[in-house]
N, C-alpha and C. Protein backbone atom coordinates (compact mmCIF):
# COMPACT_ATOMS: atom_id res chain seq x y z
N MET A 1 80.56 105.09 95.86
CA MET A 1 79.03 104.45 95.74
C MET A 1 78.39 104.61 97.27
N ARG A 2 79.03 104.83 98.30
CA ARG A 2 78.33 105.01 99.15
C ARG A 2 77.69 106.27 99.25
N ASN A 3 78.45 107.54 99.09
CA ASN A 3 77.86 108.68 98.77
C ASN A 3 76.74 108.93 97.84
N ALA A 4 76.60 108.08 96.98
CA ALA A 4 75.80 108.10 95.75
C ALA A 4 74.45 107.61 96.31
N ALA A 5 74.64 106.29 97.10
CA ALA A 5 73.74 105.78 97.70
C ALA A 5 73.07 106.67 98.97
N GLU A 6 73.93 107.37 99.52
CA GLU A 6 73.21 108.19 100.68
C GLU A 6 72.61 109.19 100.07
N ALA A 7 72.94 109.85 98.85
CA ALA A 7 72.34 111.07 98.12
C ALA A 7 70.86 110.79 97.60
N ALA A 8 70.64 109.34 97.26
CA ALA A 8 69.67 109.08 96.73
C ALA A 8 68.48 109.30 98.06
N GLY A 9 68.73 109.08 98.99
CA GLY A 9 67.97 108.94 100.05
C GLY A 9 67.11 107.82 100.02
N GLU A 10 66.06 107.74 101.09
CA GLU A 10 65.19 106.66 101.05
C GLU A 10 64.25 106.43 100.20
N GLY A 11 63.95 107.59 99.15
CA GLY A 11 63.29 107.48 97.98
C GLY A 11 63.88 106.68 96.91
N GLY A 12 65.24 106.48 97.06
CA GLY A 12 66.06 105.68 96.01
C GLY A 12 66.44 106.48 94.79
N GLY A 13 67.12 105.82 93.71
CA GLY A 13 67.57 106.49 92.87
C GLY A 13 68.50 105.55 92.00
N THR A 14 69.16 105.93 91.01
CA THR A 14 69.79 105.08 90.19
C THR A 14 71.40 105.45 90.23
N ILE A 15 72.08 104.63 90.53
CA ILE A 15 73.49 104.47 90.58
C ILE A 15 74.25 103.90 89.29
N THR A 16 75.11 104.32 88.45
CA THR A 16 75.65 103.85 87.49
C THR A 16 76.97 103.70 87.64
N LEU A 17 77.71 102.73 87.54
CA LEU A 17 79.38 102.60 87.19
C LEU A 17 79.51 102.32 85.98
N ARG A 18 80.62 103.06 85.46
CA ARG A 18 80.91 103.03 84.05
C ARG A 18 82.43 102.71 83.98
N THR A 19 83.08 101.69 83.45
CA THR A 19 84.48 101.79 83.26
C THR A 19 84.76 101.78 81.49
N PHE A 20 85.83 102.51 81.45
CA PHE A 20 86.40 102.47 80.05
C PHE A 20 87.62 102.72 79.79
N TYR A 21 88.16 102.64 78.63
CA TYR A 21 89.73 102.92 78.41
C TYR A 21 89.67 103.89 77.34
N GLU A 22 90.35 104.97 77.65
CA GLU A 22 90.44 106.54 76.94
C GLU A 22 92.07 106.62 76.80
N PRO A 23 92.63 105.96 75.54
CA PRO A 23 93.81 106.48 75.57
C PRO A 23 94.43 107.68 75.38
N SER A 24 93.76 108.60 75.01
CA SER A 24 93.95 110.01 74.65
C SER A 24 94.13 110.84 75.76
N LEU A 25 93.59 110.55 76.97
CA LEU A 25 93.64 111.23 78.05
C LEU A 25 94.95 111.45 78.78
N ARG A 26 95.59 112.46 78.98
CA ARG A 26 96.74 112.68 79.45
C ARG A 26 96.73 113.66 80.77
N ARG A 27 97.55 113.78 81.35
CA ARG A 27 97.63 114.69 82.41
C ARG A 27 98.70 115.60 82.43
N ARG A 28 98.89 116.95 82.04
CA ARG A 28 100.06 117.38 81.97
C ARG A 28 100.47 118.55 82.99
N GLU A 29 101.67 118.36 83.36
CA GLU A 29 102.08 119.32 84.41
C GLU A 29 103.44 120.05 84.19
N GLY A 30 103.44 120.36 82.83
CA GLY A 30 104.69 121.32 82.41
C GLY A 30 104.94 120.89 80.88
N PRO A 31 106.28 120.92 80.40
CA PRO A 31 106.42 120.75 79.16
C PRO A 31 106.40 119.26 79.06
N GLY A 32 106.58 118.73 77.89
CA GLY A 32 106.44 117.41 77.66
C GLY A 32 104.95 116.83 77.27
N PRO A 33 104.89 115.35 77.16
CA PRO A 33 103.61 114.77 76.72
C PRO A 33 102.78 114.51 77.68
N GLY A 34 103.29 114.64 79.06
CA GLY A 34 102.47 114.45 80.01
C GLY A 34 102.42 112.65 80.35
N ARG A 35 101.34 112.55 81.31
CA ARG A 35 101.37 111.02 81.52
C ARG A 35 99.92 110.63 81.26
N SER A 36 99.88 109.41 80.75
CA SER A 36 98.58 108.59 80.00
C SER A 36 97.87 108.34 81.29
N LEU A 37 96.62 108.45 81.54
CA LEU A 37 95.66 108.23 82.34
C LEU A 37 94.38 107.43 81.66
N PRO A 38 94.63 106.48 80.99
CA PRO A 38 93.41 105.68 80.03
C PRO A 38 92.65 104.98 80.79
N LEU A 39 92.72 104.76 82.08
CA LEU A 39 91.75 103.69 82.65
C LEU A 39 90.63 104.81 83.46
N GLN A 40 89.35 104.42 82.93
CA GLN A 40 88.13 105.48 83.59
C GLN A 40 87.46 104.74 84.56
N ILE A 41 87.07 105.04 85.71
CA ILE A 41 86.00 104.60 86.31
C ILE A 41 85.14 105.68 86.77
N GLU A 42 83.77 105.67 86.41
CA GLU A 42 82.90 106.73 86.64
C GLU A 42 81.75 106.08 87.45
N VAL A 43 81.32 107.07 88.79
CA VAL A 43 80.10 106.63 89.43
C VAL A 43 79.05 107.72 89.09
N ILE A 44 77.99 107.47 88.87
CA ILE A 44 77.06 108.27 88.13
C ILE A 44 75.78 108.25 89.05
N ASP A 45 75.22 109.48 89.60
CA ASP A 45 73.76 109.04 90.28
C ASP A 45 72.95 110.11 89.68
N ASP A 46 71.71 109.81 90.15
CA ASP A 46 70.63 110.84 89.57
C ASP A 46 70.13 111.51 90.80
N GLY A 47 70.85 111.91 91.87
CA GLY A 47 70.51 112.46 93.17
C GLY A 47 70.27 113.82 93.12
N PRO A 48 70.22 114.92 94.02
CA PRO A 48 70.09 116.14 93.79
C PRO A 48 71.36 116.79 93.57
N GLY A 49 72.45 116.40 93.48
CA GLY A 49 73.63 117.15 93.10
C GLY A 49 74.42 117.62 94.26
N LEU A 50 75.42 118.33 93.96
CA LEU A 50 76.14 118.71 95.38
C LEU A 50 75.74 120.23 95.47
N PRO A 51 75.87 120.29 97.00
CA PRO A 51 75.44 121.98 97.13
C PRO A 51 76.32 122.68 96.78
N PRO A 52 75.62 123.89 95.87
CA PRO A 52 76.79 124.81 95.15
C PRO A 52 77.59 125.40 96.09
N GLU A 53 77.61 125.72 97.31
CA GLU A 53 78.36 126.36 98.21
C GLU A 53 79.58 125.66 98.62
N ILE A 54 79.63 124.26 98.33
CA ILE A 54 80.71 123.38 98.64
C ILE A 54 81.23 122.92 97.13
N ALA A 55 80.91 122.69 96.36
CA ALA A 55 81.28 122.09 95.11
C ALA A 55 82.71 122.37 94.72
N ASP A 56 83.25 123.41 94.83
CA ASP A 56 84.55 123.67 94.50
C ASP A 56 85.71 123.36 95.43
N ALA A 57 85.44 122.87 96.78
CA ALA A 57 85.91 122.42 97.85
C ALA A 57 85.72 120.83 98.21
N ILE A 58 85.09 120.34 97.43
CA ILE A 58 84.34 118.89 97.62
C ILE A 58 85.62 117.79 98.10
N PHE A 59 86.73 117.92 97.46
CA PHE A 59 88.05 117.16 97.82
C PHE A 59 88.75 117.71 98.86
N ASP A 60 88.44 118.80 99.59
CA ASP A 60 89.28 119.23 100.85
C ASP A 60 88.86 118.46 102.02
N PRO A 61 89.65 118.31 103.01
CA PRO A 61 89.05 117.73 104.10
C PRO A 61 88.02 118.76 104.97
N PHE A 62 87.03 117.75 105.55
CA PHE A 62 86.47 118.52 106.41
C PHE A 62 85.28 119.35 105.66
N VAL A 63 85.00 119.01 104.47
CA VAL A 63 84.04 119.56 103.84
C VAL A 63 82.87 118.75 103.30
N SER A 64 81.64 118.75 103.80
CA SER A 64 80.71 117.81 103.67
C SER A 64 79.38 118.51 103.46
N GLY A 65 78.54 117.86 102.54
CA GLY A 65 77.33 118.46 102.26
C GLY A 65 76.12 117.65 103.05
N ARG A 66 76.79 116.77 103.86
CA ARG A 66 75.82 115.99 105.11
C ARG A 66 75.94 116.34 106.30
N GLU A 67 74.62 116.50 106.92
CA GLU A 67 74.78 117.01 108.11
C GLU A 67 75.63 116.20 109.18
N THR A 68 75.67 114.64 109.02
CA THR A 68 76.51 113.98 109.85
C THR A 68 78.03 113.57 109.31
N GLY A 69 77.97 114.09 108.13
CA GLY A 69 79.29 113.64 107.57
C GLY A 69 80.62 114.48 108.13
N THR A 70 81.82 113.56 108.00
CA THR A 70 82.91 114.30 108.44
C THR A 70 83.59 114.96 107.37
N GLY A 71 83.52 114.79 106.05
CA GLY A 71 84.26 115.62 105.06
C GLY A 71 85.60 114.97 105.11
N LEU A 72 85.67 113.48 105.30
CA LEU A 72 86.97 113.03 105.09
C LEU A 72 87.13 111.91 103.98
N GLY A 73 85.92 111.43 103.77
CA GLY A 73 85.92 110.49 102.48
C GLY A 73 86.49 110.74 101.16
N LEU A 74 85.87 111.91 100.70
CA LEU A 74 86.27 112.20 99.43
C LEU A 74 87.53 112.76 99.47
N ALA A 75 88.03 113.58 100.38
CA ALA A 75 89.51 113.85 100.84
C ALA A 75 90.63 112.73 100.64
N LEU A 76 90.14 111.74 101.10
CA LEU A 76 91.18 110.44 101.44
C LEU A 76 91.11 109.75 100.06
N ALA A 77 89.79 109.61 99.51
CA ALA A 77 90.01 109.18 97.90
C ALA A 77 90.69 109.98 97.03
N ALA A 78 90.79 111.36 97.14
CA ALA A 78 91.41 112.26 96.33
C ALA A 78 92.99 111.86 96.75
N ARG A 79 93.23 111.93 97.73
CA ARG A 79 94.79 111.69 98.09
C ARG A 79 95.23 110.29 97.48
N ILE A 80 94.31 109.07 97.86
CA ILE A 80 94.76 107.74 97.43
C ILE A 80 94.82 107.77 95.80
N VAL A 81 94.09 108.43 95.04
CA VAL A 81 94.06 108.58 93.72
C VAL A 81 95.44 109.32 93.31
N SER A 82 95.56 110.08 94.05
CA SER A 82 97.07 110.95 93.28
C SER A 82 98.14 110.42 94.03
N ASP A 83 98.01 109.55 94.90
CA ASP A 83 99.16 108.76 95.31
C ASP A 83 99.76 107.58 94.09
N HIS A 84 98.63 107.28 93.48
CA HIS A 84 98.71 106.52 92.41
C HIS A 84 98.95 107.04 91.00
N ASP A 85 99.41 108.24 91.22
CA ASP A 85 99.72 109.27 89.78
C ASP A 85 98.05 109.57 89.00
N GLY A 86 97.24 109.36 89.81
CA GLY A 86 95.79 109.58 88.87
C GLY A 86 95.26 111.01 88.97
N TRP A 87 94.09 110.99 88.84
CA TRP A 87 93.13 112.12 88.64
C TRP A 87 91.54 111.84 89.21
N ILE A 88 91.04 112.78 89.92
CA ILE A 88 89.59 112.39 90.40
C ILE A 88 89.07 113.79 90.01
N ALA A 89 88.10 113.72 89.45
CA ALA A 89 87.04 114.97 89.19
C ALA A 89 85.58 114.77 89.25
N VAL A 90 85.08 115.81 89.56
CA VAL A 90 83.44 115.90 89.70
C VAL A 90 82.65 116.81 88.92
N SER A 91 81.57 116.34 88.23
CA SER A 91 80.68 117.42 87.83
C SER A 91 79.27 117.04 88.32
N SER A 92 78.47 118.34 88.80
CA SER A 92 77.35 117.84 89.21
C SER A 92 76.37 118.62 89.02
N GLU A 93 75.15 118.49 88.70
CA GLU A 93 73.72 119.39 88.64
C GLU A 93 72.79 118.32 89.14
N PRO A 94 71.55 119.04 89.76
CA PRO A 94 70.61 118.49 90.12
C PRO A 94 70.13 117.17 89.17
N GLY A 95 70.03 115.92 89.64
CA GLY A 95 69.53 115.01 88.68
C GLY A 95 70.87 114.00 88.04
N ARG A 96 71.73 114.77 88.37
CA ARG A 96 73.21 113.99 87.55
C ARG A 96 74.53 114.69 88.14
N THR A 97 75.25 113.65 88.94
CA THR A 97 76.30 113.92 89.60
C THR A 97 77.46 112.65 88.91
N VAL A 98 78.46 112.79 88.66
CA VAL A 98 79.58 112.10 88.03
C VAL A 98 80.63 112.33 88.47
N PHE A 99 81.38 111.20 89.41
CA PHE A 99 82.52 111.26 89.89
C PHE A 99 83.23 110.39 88.80
N ARG A 100 84.71 110.66 88.51
CA ARG A 100 85.43 110.10 87.53
C ARG A 100 86.76 109.87 88.17
N VAL A 101 87.42 108.94 88.34
CA VAL A 101 88.76 108.44 88.54
C VAL A 101 89.34 108.02 87.27
N SER A 102 90.46 108.61 86.95
CA SER A 102 91.52 108.46 85.86
C SER A 102 92.76 107.85 86.26
N LEU A 103 93.21 106.82 85.99
CA LEU A 103 94.30 106.03 86.33
C LEU A 103 95.24 105.78 85.46
N PRO A 104 96.60 105.60 85.46
CA PRO A 104 97.59 105.13 84.52
C PRO A 104 97.60 103.63 84.62
N LEU A 105 98.15 103.13 83.49
CA LEU A 105 98.38 101.69 83.29
C LEU A 105 99.57 101.11 84.54
N ALA A 106 99.45 100.07 85.25
CA ALA A 106 100.53 99.72 86.11
C ALA A 106 101.44 99.08 85.24
N GLY A 107 102.80 99.62 85.86
CA GLY A 107 104.02 98.93 85.45
C GLY A 107 104.41 99.55 84.14
N THR A 108 103.94 100.58 83.48
CA THR A 108 104.25 100.97 82.17
C THR A 108 105.77 101.75 82.27
N GLY A 109 106.07 102.44 83.51
CA GLY A 109 107.22 103.09 83.32
C GLY A 109 107.24 104.27 82.59
N GLU A 110 106.34 104.77 82.27
CA GLU A 110 106.07 105.91 81.59
C GLU A 110 106.31 107.15 82.54
N GLU A 111 107.11 108.06 81.92
CA GLU A 111 107.63 109.21 82.84
C GLU A 111 106.72 110.56 82.35
N SER A 112 106.34 111.32 83.03
CA SER A 112 105.75 112.53 82.59
C SER A 112 106.97 113.48 82.16
């Protein structure tokens, strides 16, 4: 949310939070059915988008598109999501950036 707000700048913009349940989304890491990640959270903004030169490394430590950024926020977010057996992804173009966090249900005991 903070990154989206900062991307909007002083001119403002729109930030949309979207949550939904997608039972068919699965994360596969080898043979077998994979792990279900049905809980979806999206942060969508209409800012300028990610700079192309950092788009592929946005979740790596010390990568930032802002002059005063440390590049630790998204790396930390990715680590926390991963520690919860989830997935974080981004799609970005000028006027629409979407960060999506996909998480498993708590306490299902499902194995991948």
